[in-house]
């Protein structure tokens, strides 16, 4: 099985500012069923709760990592 990169998406755009909650990330249009999807979420401040608000029919897995000045979480699904 070949591994291919199908695209990326972000909100806000690189080096942008966003204070909305929840944050909408539109998936790349070239995704197909069975693709492995990674979502890396990062927020300034270590008191943020990062969670999936719309599952989209998939079963999402996650890892949580917190830093001193930020909150991070990695989600993945197929």
Protein backbone atom coordinates (compact mmCIF):
# COMPACT_ATOMS: atom_id res chain seq x y z
CA UNK A 1 0.00 0.00 0.00
CA UNK A 2 1.44 3.35 -1.00
CA UNK A 3 1.40 6.24 1.43
CA UNK A 4 0.34 9.50 -0.19
CA UNK A 5 -0.20 12.97 1.21
CA UNK A 6 -3.67 14.20 0.25
CA UNK A 7 -3.61 17.77 1.56
CA UNK A 8 -3.99 19.92 4.61
CA UNK A 9 -6.32 22.48 6.15
CA UNK A 10 -6.02 25.02 8.94
CA UNK A 11 -8.09 27.61 10.71
CA UNK A 12 -6.93 30.34 11.06
CA UNK A 13 -4.49 30.58 8.20
CA UNK A 14 -0.81 30.43 9.21
CA UNK A 15 0.19 33.15 11.66
CA UNK A 16 -3.43 34.29 11.97
CA UNK A 17 -5.60 35.00 15.00
CA UNK A 18 -8.87 33.25 15.85
CA UNK A 19 -11.02 33.53 18.96
CA UNK A 20 -14.08 31.58 17.77
CA UNK A 21 -15.29 28.46 19.54
CA UNK A 22 -15.87 25.92 18.16
CA UNK A 23 -13.31 26.22 15.37
CA UNK A 24 -14.33 24.83 11.98
CA UNK A 25 -11.64 23.02 9.99
CA UNK A 26 -12.81 22.12 6.49
CA UNK A 27 -11.18 18.87 5.35
CA UNK A 28 -9.28 18.75 2.05
CA UNK A 29 -11.60 17.88 -0.85
CA UNK A 30 -9.34 15.06 -2.03
CA UNK A 31 -9.95 12.87 1.05
CA UNK A 32 -11.57 9.48 0.44
CA UNK A 33 -13.02 6.80 2.73
CA UNK A 34 -10.28 4.87 4.51
CA UNK A 35 -7.71 7.70 4.57
CA UNK A 36 -5.81 8.15 7.82
CA UNK A 37 -6.58 11.65 9.10
CA UNK A 38 -4.48 13.50 11.69
CA UNK A 39 -5.68 16.70 13.32
CA UNK A 40 -3.27 18.62 15.53
CA UNK A 41 -5.04 21.21 17.68
CA UNK A 42 -3.13 23.92 19.51
CA UNK A 43 -4.39 26.83 21.63
CA UNK A 44 -2.54 29.52 23.53
CA UNK A 45 -3.04 29.16 27.28
CA UNK A 46 -2.98 25.97 29.35
CA UNK A 47 -6.62 26.13 30.54
CA UNK A 48 -8.24 25.34 27.17
CA UNK A 49 -10.37 22.23 26.74
CA UNK A 50 -9.80 20.89 23.23
CA UNK A 51 -12.46 18.44 22.03
CA UNK A 52 -14.22 17.30 18.85
CA UNK A 53 -17.60 19.01 18.53
CA UNK A 54 -18.66 17.29 15.27
CA UNK A 55 -17.52 13.69 14.77
CA UNK A 56 -18.58 13.44 11.12
CA UNK A 57 -19.49 9.75 11.47
CA UNK A 58 -15.95 8.64 12.34
CA UNK A 59 -14.60 7.24 15.58
CA UNK A 60 -11.89 9.69 16.64
CA UNK A 61 -8.96 8.72 18.87
CA UNK A 62 -6.92 11.30 20.76
CA UNK A 63 -3.81 12.05 22.77
CA UNK A 64 -3.57 15.02 25.12
CA UNK A 65 -0.43 16.99 25.82
CA UNK A 66 -0.29 20.16 27.89
CA UNK A 67 2.50 22.67 28.17
CA UNK A 68 3.11 25.58 30.45
CA UNK A 69 1.73 28.21 28.09
CA UNK A 70 -0.38 26.20 25.65
CA UNK A 71 -2.87 23.37 25.24
CA UNK A 72 -2.40 20.75 22.53
CA UNK A 73 -4.27 17.67 21.42
CA UNK A 74 -3.78 15.23 18.54
CA UNK A 75 -6.79 13.46 17.01
CA UNK A 76 -6.76 10.70 14.40
CA UNK A 77 -9.24 8.46 12.61
CA UNK A 78 -9.76 6.42 9.42
